[in-house]
Amino acid sequence: MKGPAHQQKFSPSKKTQNRNSKLSKMTAIFRVSPLFIILFALFSVIILNPSHAANTEAGRIMCYHPNNLMEFWNDNIDESEQLKKCTWDNWMMRLESEWENFNTSMKSKKNVWLQETEKEWAEWIKQMENKWMNCNENINDEYKDYLISKSTTWTAEQWEEWIKTKGSNFMKTDFEKWIKAKGTSLDLLQLTDWVQWKNEKIMAWLTNEWKTEEDNYWSHWENSTWLKWLHFTEKKHWLKWKERNHREGEQWSTWLSIKENVYIFNELNNWSMWKNEKQEFFNTWMNNIIKKWINEEKWNNLVNTENDS
């Protein structure tokens, strides 16, 4: 008969306790309307699709169906991965444009910082000259105490030797402290903004709704029962997810390394050039101050200070 033939075709999709009764009803329906035959066939295909299976006590994992990019992963792995790769590539292209804007902004900030530092440098040089040419009033107490305790009976030649050795070392120490403080200020300016910017960018990617849903799904999947390894299709998707995350992580690290070489190390070279220029200027300035200090016998100011006390 025609009815039983249809019963045998669709019966494997149903697991019920009243199998014969169900089949009889299906036969009656098939005889009434061919439309129901088509609907039932479609329904059977859906039921037979593993992606629509429910959880069981045996530990089966329910497939997750977000209304976004992850919809593709249940149908075609290659198509899904290609779409996600395109999404990542597009994000990286936008990132490059955003990086250019950020770099331009930081160059502007550093130019402002450098202009301010040049003014501070000029002021610092004036303060140093005032300190050494008026050492009875402006020299540091530690220098003054040292000199007074050691030099009450020094000759002019001994004073000249002192300013060329100990005195110049005091000047160099002050210079190195000032330069170090400015270098720290520049590091904070560069690194603070850079670290904040790059962290905001990668977090924006990682917290995409579809990305979060996907990562959460596979994180739960990894922590589920060992029976998950029997689901070969899901395991294949999981491996693709792992590979993609690893690839994106390497690309991100490479991109950061390139930008840091351009942004950080290149600026360090510029800072080194600036320091070298100031070092040359300072050495010339110091030699002139020492000559002037000797010619004007500025040690007498210290000696007179000690005698007055």
C-alpha atoms as a PDB file:
ATOM      1  CA  MET A   1       0.000   0.000   0.000  1.00  0.00           C
ATOM      2  CA  LYS A   2       0.998   3.567  -0.539  1.00  0.00           C
ATOM      3  CA  GLY A   3       0.550   4.608   3.087  1.00  0.00           C
ATOM      4  CA  PRO A   4       2.953   2.081   4.662  1.00  0.00           C
ATOM      5  CA  ALA A   5       5.642   2.966   2.193  1.00  0.00           C
ATOM      6  CA  HIS A   6       5.642   6.503   3.539  1.00  0.00           C
ATOM      7  CA  GLN A   7       5.606   5.202   7.065  1.00  0.00           C
ATOM      8  CA  GLN A   8       8.844   3.312   6.564  1.00  0.00           C
ATOM      9  CA  LYS A   9      10.539   6.322   5.055  1.00  0.00           C
ATOM     10  CA  PHE A  10       9.899   8.731   7.911  1.00  0.00           C
ATOM     11  CA  SER A  11       9.695   6.448  10.952  1.00  0.00           C
ATOM     12  CA  PRO A  12      13.480   6.592  11.811  1.00  0.00           C
ATOM     13  CA  SER A  13      13.152  10.298  12.705  1.00  0.00           C
ATOM     14  CA  LYS A  14      10.738   9.663  15.625  1.00  0.00           C
ATOM     15  CA  LYS A  15      11.459   7.971  18.940  1.00  0.00           C
ATOM     16  CA  THR A  16       8.206   7.486  20.764  1.00  0.00           C
ATOM     17  CA  GLN A  17       6.520   4.948  22.962  1.00  0.00           C
ATOM     18  CA  ASN A  18       3.379   4.572  20.754  1.00  0.00           C
ATOM     19  CA  ARG A  19       5.031   3.986  17.413  1.00  0.00           C
ATOM     20  CA  ASN A  20       2.221   2.059  15.691  1.00  0.00           C
ATOM     21  CA  SER A  21      -0.439   4.515  16.783  1.00  0.00           C
ATOM     22  CA  LYS A  22       1.619   7.460  15.510  1.00  0.00           C
ATOM     23  CA  LEU A  23       2.216   5.802  12.156  1.00  0.00           C
ATOM     24  CA  SER A  24      -1.503   5.141  11.696  1.00  0.00           C
ATOM     25  CA  LYS A  25      -2.267   8.794  12.276  1.00  0.00           C
ATOM     26  CA  MET A  26       0.435   9.830   9.813  1.00  0.00           C
ATOM     27  CA  THR A  27      -1.054   7.502   7.192  1.00  0.00           C
ATOM     28  CA  ALA A  28      -4.444   9.098   7.624  1.00  0.00           C
ATOM     29  CA  ILE A  29      -2.949  12.545   7.271  1.00  0.00           C
ATOM     30  CA  PHE A  30      -1.029  11.624   4.134  1.00  0.00           C
ATOM     31  CA  ARG A  31      -4.241  10.354   2.521  1.00  0.00           C
ATOM     32  CA  VAL A  32      -6.061  13.556   3.330  1.00  0.00           C
ATOM     33  CA  SER A  33      -3.596  16.154   2.032  1.00  0.00           C
ATOM     34  CA  PRO A  34      -0.348  16.012   0.005  1.00  0.00           C
ATOM     35  CA  LEU A  35       0.620  19.341   1.610  1.00  0.00           C
ATOM     36  CA  PHE A  36       1.012  17.618   4.955  1.00  0.00           C
ATOM     37  CA  ILE A  37       3.335  15.100   3.345  1.00  0.00           C
ATOM     38  CA  ILE A  38       5.663  17.932   2.284  1.00  0.00           C
ATOM     39  CA  LEU A  39       5.472  19.640   5.671  1.00  0.00           C
ATOM     40  CA  PHE A  40       6.202  16.408   7.454  1.00  0.00           C
ATOM     41  CA  ALA A  41       9.218  15.746   5.230  1.00  0.00           C
ATOM     42  CA  LEU A  42      10.640  19.180   6.031  1.00  0.00           C
ATOM     43  CA  PHE A  43       9.999  18.649   9.719  1.00  0.00           C
ATOM     44  CA  SER A  44      11.806  15.299   9.579  1.00  0.00           C
ATOM     45  CA  VAL A  45      14.894  16.906   8.013  1.00  0.00           C
ATOM     46  CA  ILE A  46      15.041  19.452  10.832  1.00  0.00           C
ATOM     47  CA  ILE A  47      14.720  16.777  13.491  1.00  0.00           C
ATOM     48  CA  LEU A  48      17.471  14.723  11.889  1.00  0.00           C
ATOM     49  CA  ASN A  49      19.836  17.726  11.869  1.00  0.00           C
ATOM     50  CA  PRO A  50      22.274  17.289  14.829  1.00  0.00           C
ATOM     51  CA  SER A  51      22.543  21.042  15.346  1.00  0.00           C
ATOM     52  CA  HIS A  52      18.928  21.062  16.611  1.00  0.00           C
ATOM     53  CA  ALA A  53      19.362  18.262  19.134  1.00  0.00           C
ATOM     54  CA  ALA A  54      18.607  18.986  22.767  1.00  0.00           C
ATOM     55  CA  ASN A  55      20.742  18.388  25.870  1.00  0.00           C
ATOM     56  CA  THR A  56      20.601  14.948  27.436  1.00  0.00           C
ATOM     57  CA  GLU A  57      21.727  13.567  30.767  1.00  0.00           C
ATOM     58  CA  ALA A  58      24.644  11.979  28.924  1.00  0.00           C
ATOM     59  CA  GLY A  59      26.236  15.405  28.655  1.00  0.00           C
ATOM     60  CA  ARG A  60      25.362  16.473  25.110  1.00  0.00           C
ATOM     61  CA  ILE A  61      26.131  20.157  24.490  1.00  0.00           C
ATOM     62  CA  MET A  62      23.352  22.274  23.072  1.00  0.00           C
ATOM     63  CA  CYS A  63      24.429  24.233  19.996  1.00  0.00           C
ATOM     64  CA  TYR A  64      24.199  27.979  20.371  1.00  0.00           C
ATOM     65  CA  HIS A  65      22.615  30.134  17.648  1.00  0.00           C
ATOM     66  CA  PRO A  66      23.307  33.866  17.953  1.00  0.00           C
ATOM     67  CA  ASN A  67      21.692  36.211  15.468  1.00  0.00           C
ATOM     68  CA  ASN A  68      24.981  37.419  14.033  1.00  0.00           C
ATOM     69  CA  LEU A  69      28.201  36.160  12.457  1.00  0.00           C
ATOM     70  CA  MET A  70      28.130  32.907  14.415  1.00  0.00           C
ATOM     71  CA  GLU A  71      25.098  31.754  12.459  1.00  0.00           C
ATOM     72  CA  PHE A  72      27.491  30.648   9.743  1.00  0.00           C
ATOM     73  CA  TRP A  73      29.392  28.171  11.880  1.00  0.00           C
ATOM     74  CA  ASN A  74      26.582  25.638  11.990  1.00  0.00           C
ATOM     75  CA  ASP A  75      26.370  25.384   8.224  1.00  0.00           C
ATOM     76  CA  ASN A  76      29.742  25.845   6.560  1.00  0.00           C
ATOM     77  CA  ILE A  77      33.021  26.002   8.470  1.00  0.00           C
ATOM     78  CA  ASP A  78      35.068  27.429   5.610  1.00  0.00           C
ATOM     79  CA  GLU A  79      32.486  30.081   4.826  1.00  0.00           C
ATOM     80  CA  SER A  80      32.237  31.011   8.486  1.00  0.00           C
ATOM     81  CA  GLU A  81      36.007  31.265   8.937  1.00  0.00           C
ATOM     82  CA  GLN A  82      36.393  33.297   5.759  1.00  0.00           C
ATOM     83  CA  LEU A  83      33.798  35.770   6.968  1.00  0.00           C
ATOM     84  CA  LYS A  84      35.482  36.094  10.348  1.00  0.00           C
ATOM     85  CA  LYS A  85      38.882  36.526   8.691  1.00  0.00           C
ATOM     86  CA  CYS A  86      37.452  39.324   6.531  1.00  0.00           C
ATOM     87  CA  THR A  87      36.011  40.928   9.662  1.00  0.00           C
ATOM     88  CA  TRP A  88      39.427  40.787  11.347  1.00  0.00           C
ATOM     89  CA  ASP A  89      41.211  42.134   8.247  1.00  0.00           C
ATOM     90  CA  ASN A  90      38.754  45.019   7.988  1.00  0.00           C
ATOM     91  CA  TRP A  91      39.261  45.791  11.665  1.00  0.00           C
ATOM     92  CA  MET A  92      43.028  45.845  11.175  1.00  0.00           C
ATOM     93  CA  MET A  93      42.672  48.234   8.229  1.00  0.00           C
ATOM     94  CA  ARG A  94      40.552  50.580  10.328  1.00  0.00           C
ATOM     95  CA  LEU A  95      43.093  50.252  13.107  1.00  0.00           C
ATOM     96  CA  GLU A  96      45.860  51.395  10.773  1.00  0.00           C
ATOM     97  CA  SER A  97      43.923  54.553   9.954  1.00  0.00           C
ATOM     98  CA  GLU A  98      43.205  55.167  13.637  1.00  0.00           C
ATOM     99  CA  TRP A  99      46.882  54.625  14.398  1.00  0.00           C
ATOM    100  CA  GLU A 100      47.861  57.366  11.947  1.00  0.00           C
ATOM    101  CA  ASN A 101      45.540  59.779  13.730  1.00  0.00           C
ATOM    102  CA  PHE A 102      46.906  58.731  17.112  1.00  0.00           C
ATOM    103  CA  ASN A 103      50.511  59.073  15.976  1.00  0.00           C
ATOM    104  CA  THR A 104      49.840  62.546  14.577  1.00  0.00           C
ATOM    105  CA  SER A 105      48.230  63.558  17.856  1.00  0.00           C
ATOM    106  CA  MET A 106      51.177  62.244  19.861  1.00  0.00           C
ATOM    107  CA  LYS A 107      53.698  64.041  17.666  1.00  0.00           C
ATOM    108  CA  SER A 108      51.841  67.258  18.374  1.00  0.00           C
ATOM    109  CA  LYS A 109      51.913  66.556  22.113  1.00  0.00           C
ATOM    110  CA  LYS A 110      55.639  65.807  22.006  1.00  0.00           C
ATOM    111  CA  ASN A 111      56.349  68.992  20.097  1.00  0.00           C
ATOM    112  CA  VAL A 112      54.546  70.977  22.790  1.00  0.00           C
ATOM    113  CA  TRP A 113      56.457  69.065  25.463  1.00  0.00           C
ATOM    114  CA  LEU A 114      59.767  69.731  23.720  1.00  0.00           C
ATOM    115  CA  GLN A 115      59.068  73.458  23.445  1.00  0.00           C
ATOM    116  CA  GLU A 116      58.295  73.605  27.158  1.00  0.00           C
ATOM    117  CA  THR A 117      61.405  71.580  27.941  1.00  0.00           C
ATOM    118  CA  GLU A 118      63.561  73.973  25.915  1.00  0.00           C
ATOM    119  CA  LYS A 119      62.254  76.854  28.024  1.00  0.00           C
ATOM    120  CA  GLU A 120      62.903  74.881  31.202  1.00  0.00           C
ATOM    121  CA  TRP A 121      66.404  74.095  29.966  1.00  0.00           C
ATOM    122  CA  ALA A 122      67.213  77.761  29.427  1.00  0.00           C
ATOM    123  CA  GLU A 123      65.899  78.567  32.909  1.00  0.00           C
ATOM    124  CA  TRP A 124      67.876  75.725  34.451  1.00  0.00           C
ATOM    125  CA  ILE A 125      71.125  76.920  32.856  1.00  0.00           C
ATOM    126  CA  LYS A 126      70.544  80.394  34.317  1.00  0.00           C
ATOM    127  CA  GLN A 127      69.947  78.909  37.755  1.00  0.00           C
ATOM    128  CA  MET A 128      73.128  76.835  37.516  1.00  0.00           C
ATOM    129  CA  GLU A 129      75.201  79.834  36.501  1.00  0.00           C
ATOM    130  CA  ASN A 130      73.742  81.904  39.312  1.00  0.00           C
ATOM    131  CA  LYS A 131      74.464  79.145  41.799  1.00  0.00           C
ATOM    132  CA  TRP A 132      78.119  78.778  40.887  1.00  0.00           C
ATOM    133  CA  MET A 133      78.907  82.422  40.332  1.00  0.00           C
ATOM    134  CA  ASN A 134      77.277  83.324  43.661  1.00  0.00           C
ATOM    135  CA  CYS A 135      78.168  80.196  45.562  1.00  0.00           C
ATOM    136  CA  ASN A 136      78.134  81.837  48.968  1.00  0.00           C
ATOM    137  CA  GLU A 137      74.369  82.331  48.615  1.00  0.00           C
ATOM    138  CA  ASN A 138      73.061  79.801  46.139  1.00  0.00           C
ATOM    139  CA  ILE A 139      75.311  76.766  46.277  1.00  0.00           C
ATOM    140  CA  ASN A 140      73.803  73.652  47.820  1.00  0.00           C
ATOM    141  CA  ASP A 141      74.399  73.259  51.540  1.00  0.00           C
ATOM    142  CA  GLU A 142      76.094  69.894  51.041  1.00  0.00           C
ATOM    143  CA  TYR A 143      78.610  71.495  48.665  1.00  0.00           C
ATOM    144  CA  LYS A 144      79.119  74.496  50.934  1.00  0.00           C
ATOM    145  CA  ASP A 145      79.633  72.428  54.087  1.00  0.00           C
ATOM    146  CA  TYR A 146      82.109  70.211  52.300  1.00  0.00           C
ATOM    147  CA  LEU A 147      84.110  73.145  50.961  1.00  0.00           C
ATOM    148  CA  ILE A 148      84.179  75.084  54.212  1.00  0.00           C
ATOM    149  CA  SER A 149      85.366  72.069  56.177  1.00  0.00           C
ATOM    150  CA  LYS A 150      88.157  71.232  53.724  1.00  0.00           C
ATOM    151  CA  SER A 151      89.344  74.490  52.222  1.00  0.00           C
ATOM    152  CA  THR A 152      89.962  77.139  54.872  1.00  0.00           C
ATOM    153  CA  THR A 153      93.709  77.081  54.195  1.00  0.00           C
ATOM    154  CA  TRP A 154      93.693  76.333  50.449  1.00  0.00           C
ATOM    155  CA  THR A 155      95.817  78.263  48.026  1.00  0.00           C
ATOM    156  CA  ALA A 156      94.563  79.593  44.680  1.00  0.00           C
ATOM    157  CA  GLU A 157      96.124  76.601  42.915  1.00  0.00           C
ATOM    158  CA  GLN A 158      94.234  74.189  45.177  1.00  0.00           C
ATOM    159  CA  TRP A 159      90.975  75.991  44.480  1.00  0.00           C
ATOM    160  CA  GLU A 160      91.604  75.787  40.760  1.00  0.00           C
ATOM    161  CA  GLU A 161      92.265  72.068  41.049  1.00  0.00           C
ATOM    162  CA  TRP A 162      89.099  71.596  43.069  1.00  0.00           C
ATOM    163  CA  ILE A 163      86.780  73.431  40.647  1.00  0.00           C
ATOM    164  CA  LYS A 164      88.227  71.492  37.702  1.00  0.00           C
ATOM    165  CA  THR A 165      87.684  68.131  39.413  1.00  0.00           C
ATOM    166  CA  LYS A 166      85.233  68.019  42.314  1.00  0.00           C
ATOM    167  CA  GLY A 167      83.419  71.162  41.273  1.00  0.00           C
ATOM    168  CA  SER A 168      82.896  69.965  37.701  1.00  0.00           C
ATOM    169  CA  ASN A 169      81.624  66.620  39.021  1.00  0.00           C
ATOM    170  CA  PHE A 170      79.016  68.454  41.097  1.00  0.00           C
ATOM    171  CA  MET A 171      77.898  70.292  37.965  1.00  0.00           C
ATOM    172  CA  LYS A 172      77.738  67.088  35.934  1.00  0.00           C
ATOM    173  CA  THR A 173      75.685  65.404  38.643  1.00  0.00           C
ATOM    174  CA  ASP A 174      73.151  68.226  38.563  1.00  0.00           C
ATOM    175  CA  PHE A 175      72.971  67.980  34.775  1.00  0.00           C
ATOM    176  CA  GLU A 176      72.431  64.216  34.831  1.00  0.00           C
ATOM    177  CA  LYS A 177      69.664  64.525  37.426  1.00  0.00           C
ATOM    178  CA  TRP A 178      67.864  67.144  35.364  1.00  0.00           C
ATOM    179  CA  ILE A 179      68.149  65.137  32.133  1.00  0.00           C
ATOM    180  CA  LYS A 180      66.955  61.970  33.864  1.00  0.00           C
ATOM    181  CA  ALA A 181      63.894  63.760  35.236  1.00  0.00           C
ATOM    182  CA  LYS A 182      63.026  65.029  31.760  1.00  0.00           C
ATOM    183  CA  GLY A 183      63.505  61.590  30.245  1.00  0.00           C
ATOM    184  CA  THR A 184      61.104  60.146  32.794  1.00  0.00           C
ATOM    185  CA  SER A 185      58.591  62.858  31.940  1.00  0.00           C
ATOM    186  CA  LEU A 186      58.820  61.990  28.232  1.00  0.00           C
ATOM    187  CA  ASP A 187      58.455  58.271  28.936  1.00  0.00           C
ATOM    188  CA  LEU A 188      55.291  58.898  30.917  1.00  0.00           C
ATOM    189  CA  LEU A 189      53.882  61.072  28.155  1.00  0.00           C
ATOM    190  CA  GLN A 190      54.546  58.461  25.478  1.00  0.00           C
ATOM    191  CA  LEU A 191      53.933  55.200  27.273  1.00  0.00           C
ATOM    192  CA  THR A 192      50.837  56.232  29.205  1.00  0.00           C
ATOM    193  CA  ASP A 193      48.962  57.319  26.091  1.00  0.00           C
ATOM    194  CA  TRP A 194      50.283  54.430  23.994  1.00  0.00           C
ATOM    195  CA  VAL A 195      49.396  51.711  26.499  1.00  0.00           C
ATOM    196  CA  GLN A 196      45.946  53.181  27.039  1.00  0.00           C
ATOM    197  CA  TRP A 197      45.306  53.495  23.295  1.00  0.00           C
ATOM    198  CA  LYS A 198      46.391  49.988  22.311  1.00  0.00           C
ATOM    199  CA  ASN A 199      44.516  48.396  25.223  1.00  0.00           C
ATOM    200  CA  GLU A 200      41.328  50.222  24.285  1.00  0.00           C
ATOM    201  CA  LYS A 201      41.649  49.043  20.681  1.00  0.00           C
ATOM    202  CA  ILE A 202      42.179  45.351  21.377  1.00  0.00           C
ATOM    203  CA  MET A 203      39.476  45.341  24.039  1.00  0.00           C
ATOM    204  CA  ALA A 204      37.059  46.852  21.525  1.00  0.00           C
ATOM    205  CA  TRP A 205      37.757  43.876  19.266  1.00  0.00           C
ATOM    206  CA  LEU A 206      37.566  41.235  21.991  1.00  0.00           C
ATOM    207  CA  THR A 207      34.304  42.611  23.367  1.00  0.00           C
ATOM    208  CA  ASN A 208      32.465  42.574  20.043  1.00  0.00           C
ATOM    209  CA  GLU A 209      29.103  40.920  20.715  1.00  0.00           C
ATOM    210  CA  TRP A 210      29.639  38.048  18.283  1.00  0.00           C
ATOM    211  CA  LYS A 211      33.235  37.567  19.477  1.00  0.00           C
ATOM    212  CA  THR A 212      32.182  37.458  23.113  1.00  0.00           C
ATOM    213  CA  GLU A 213      29.409  34.972  22.375  1.00  0.00           C
ATOM    214  CA  GLU A 214      31.741  32.748  20.414  1.00  0.00           C
ATOM    215  CA  ASP A 215      34.516  32.821  23.025  1.00  0.00           C
ATOM    216  CA  ASN A 216      32.044  32.129  25.822  1.00  0.00           C
ATOM    217  CA  TYR A 217      30.550  29.221  23.926  1.00  0.00           C
ATOM    218  CA  TRP A 218      33.873  27.492  23.315  1.00  0.00           C
ATOM    219  CA  SER A 219      35.160  28.250  26.804  1.00  0.00           C
ATOM    220  CA  HIS A 220      32.126  26.453  28.232  1.00  0.00           C
ATOM    221  CA  TRP A 221      32.586  23.711  25.681  1.00  0.00           C
ATOM    222  CA  GLU A 222      36.202  23.142  26.741  1.00  0.00           C
ATOM    223  CA  ASN A 223      35.119  22.814  30.371  1.00  0.00           C
ATOM    224  CA  SER A 224      32.256  20.429  29.648  1.00  0.00           C
ATOM    225  CA  THR A 225      32.186  16.625  29.957  1.00  0.00           C
ATOM    226  CA  TRP A 226      34.656  14.470  28.039  1.00  0.00           C
ATOM    227  CA  LEU A 227      31.773  13.273  25.851  1.00  0.00           C
ATOM    228  CA  LYS A 228      32.225  16.479  23.862  1.00  0.00           C
ATOM    229  CA  TRP A 229      35.129  14.807  22.055  1.00  0.00           C
ATOM    230  CA  LEU A 230      32.643  12.431  20.462  1.00  0.00           C
ATOM    231  CA  HIS A 231      30.997  15.321  18.631  1.00  0.00           C
ATOM    232  CA  PHE A 232      33.405  15.562  15.718  1.00  0.00           C
ATOM    233  CA  THR A 233      31.679  18.458  13.969  1.00  0.00           C
ATOM    234  CA  GLU A 234      31.843  20.638  17.065  1.00  0.00           C
ATOM    235  CA  LYS A 235      35.443  19.609  17.659  1.00  0.00           C
ATOM    236  CA  LYS A 236      36.288  20.743  14.126  1.00  0.00           C
ATOM    237  CA  HIS A 237      34.675  24.128  14.791  1.00  0.00           C
ATOM    238  CA  TRP A 238      36.540  24.369  18.090  1.00  0.00           C
ATOM    239  CA  LEU A 239      39.893  23.707  16.393  1.00  0.00           C
ATOM    240  CA  LYS A 240      39.152  26.408  13.827  1.00  0.00           C
ATOM    241  CA  TRP A 241      38.332  28.811  16.647  1.00  0.00           C
ATOM    242  CA  LYS A 242      41.625  27.990  18.415  1.00  0.00           C
ATOM    243  CA  GLU A 243      43.629  28.409  15.223  1.00  0.00           C
ATOM    244  CA  ARG A 244      41.959  31.715  14.395  1.00  0.00           C
ATOM    245  CA  ASN A 245      42.527  33.153  17.870  1.00  0.00           C
ATOM    246  CA  HIS A 246      46.182  32.115  17.722  1.00  0.00           C
ATOM    247  CA  ARG A 247      46.612  33.659  14.275  1.00  0.00           C
ATOM    248  CA  GLU A 248      44.948  36.909  15.305  1.00  0.00           C
ATOM    249  CA  GLY A 249      47.067  37.059  18.454  1.00  0.00           C
ATOM    250  CA  GLU A 250      50.277  36.698  16.455  1.00  0.00           C
ATOM    251  CA  GLN A 251      49.191  39.315  13.928  1.00  0.00           C
ATOM    252  CA  TRP A 252      48.317  41.721  16.740  1.00  0.00           C
ATOM    253  CA  SER A 253      51.687  41.177  18.451  1.00  0.00           C
ATOM    254  CA  THR A 254      53.551  41.722  15.181  1.00  0.00           C
ATOM    255  CA  TRP A 255      51.601  44.897  14.486  1.00  0.00           C
ATOM    256  CA  LEU A 256      52.348  46.215  17.975  1.00  0.00           C
ATOM    257  CA  SER A 257      56.041  45.430  17.601  1.00  0.00           C
ATOM    258  CA  ILE A 258      56.250  47.359  14.332  1.00  0.00           C
ATOM    259  CA  LYS A 259      54.418  50.373  15.737  1.00  0.00           C
ATOM    260  CA  GLU A 260      56.471  50.405  18.912  1.00  0.00           C
ATOM    261  CA  ASN A 261      59.674  50.369  16.871  1.00  0.00           C
ATOM    262  CA  VAL A 262      58.409  53.385  14.944  1.00  0.00           C
ATOM    263  CA  TYR A 263      56.668  55.181  17.772  1.00  0.00           C
ATOM    264  CA  ILE A 264      58.710  54.376  20.886  1.00  0.00           C
ATOM    265  CA  PHE A 265      62.241  53.543  19.738  1.00  0.00           C
ATOM    266  CA  ASN A 266      62.282  56.173  17.020  1.00  0.00           C
ATOM    267  CA  GLU A 267      61.288  58.771  19.592  1.00  0.00           C
ATOM    268  CA  LEU A 268      63.974  57.464  21.927  1.00  0.00           C
ATOM    269  CA  ASN A 269      66.477  58.125  19.158  1.00  0.00           C
ATOM    270  CA  ASN A 270      65.141  61.663  18.823  1.00  0.00           C
ATOM    271  CA  TRP A 271      65.426  62.107  22.578  1.00  0.00           C
ATOM    272  CA  SER A 272      68.993  60.768  22.489  1.00  0.00           C
ATOM    273  CA  MET A 273      69.873  63.326  19.825  1.00  0.00           C
ATOM    274  CA  TRP A 274      68.328  66.086  21.934  1.00  0.00           C
ATOM    275  CA  LYS A 275      70.287  64.938  25.002  1.00  0.00           C
ATOM    276  CA  ASN A 276      73.525  64.802  23.027  1.00  0.00           C
ATOM    277  CA  GLU A 277      73.001  68.369  21.855  1.00  0.00           C
ATOM    278  CA  LYS A 278      72.400  69.512  25.428  1.00  0.00           C
ATOM    279  CA  GLN A 279      75.398  67.532  26.634  1.00  0.00           C
ATOM    280  CA  GLU A 280      77.664  69.336  24.174  1.00  0.00           C
ATOM    281  CA  PHE A 281      76.174  72.679  25.155  1.00  0.00           C
ATOM    282  CA  PHE A 282      76.555  71.877  28.848  1.00  0.00           C
ATOM    283  CA  ASN A 283      80.201  70.845  28.488  1.00  0.00           C
ATOM    284  CA  THR A 284      81.014  74.126  26.749  1.00  0.00           C
ATOM    285  CA  TRP A 285      79.010  76.091  29.307  1.00  0.00           C
ATOM    286  CA  MET A 286      80.714  74.299  32.221  1.00  0.00           C
ATOM    287  CA  ASN A 287      84.212  74.983  30.887  1.00  0.00           C
ATOM    288  CA  ASN A 288      83.356  78.661  30.502  1.00  0.00           C
ATOM    289  CA  ILE A 289      81.907  78.823  34.023  1.00  0.00           C
ATOM    290  CA  ILE A 290      85.016  77.181  35.458  1.00  0.00           C
ATOM    291  CA  LYS A 291      87.288  79.665  33.698  1.00  0.00           C
ATOM    292  CA  LYS A 292      85.166  82.575  34.872  1.00  0.00           C
ATOM    293  CA  TRP A 293      85.028  81.149  38.401  1.00  0.00           C
ATOM    294  CA  ILE A 294      88.827  80.962  38.503  1.00  0.00           C
ATOM    295  CA  ASN A 295      89.437  84.364  36.917  1.00  0.00           C
ATOM    296  CA  GLU A 296      87.075  86.058  39.375  1.00  0.00           C
ATOM    297  CA  GLU A 297      88.381  83.967  42.317  1.00  0.00           C
ATOM    298  CA  LYS A 298      84.904  83.037  43.385  1.00  0.00           C
ATOM    299  CA  TRP A 299      86.266  80.827  46.171  1.00  0.00           C
ATOM    300  CA  ASN A 300      86.797  84.002  48.170  1.00  0.00           C
ATOM    301  CA  ASN A 301      83.052  84.231  48.610  1.00  0.00           C
ATOM    302  CA  LEU A 302      83.075  80.916  50.447  1.00  0.00           C
ATOM    303  CA  VAL A 303      86.115  81.809  52.516  1.00  0.00           C
ATOM    304  CA  ASN A 304      84.573  85.136  53.523  1.00  0.00           C
ATOM    305  CA  THR A 305      81.357  83.338  54.460  1.00  0.00           C
ATOM    306  CA  GLU A 306      83.304  81.073  56.804  1.00  0.00           C
ATOM    307  CA  ASN A 307      85.245  83.979  58.336  1.00  0.00           C
ATOM    308  CA  ASP A 308      82.049  85.965  58.914  1.00  0.00           C
ATOM    309  CA  SER A 309      80.477  83.040  60.736  1.00  0.00           C
END
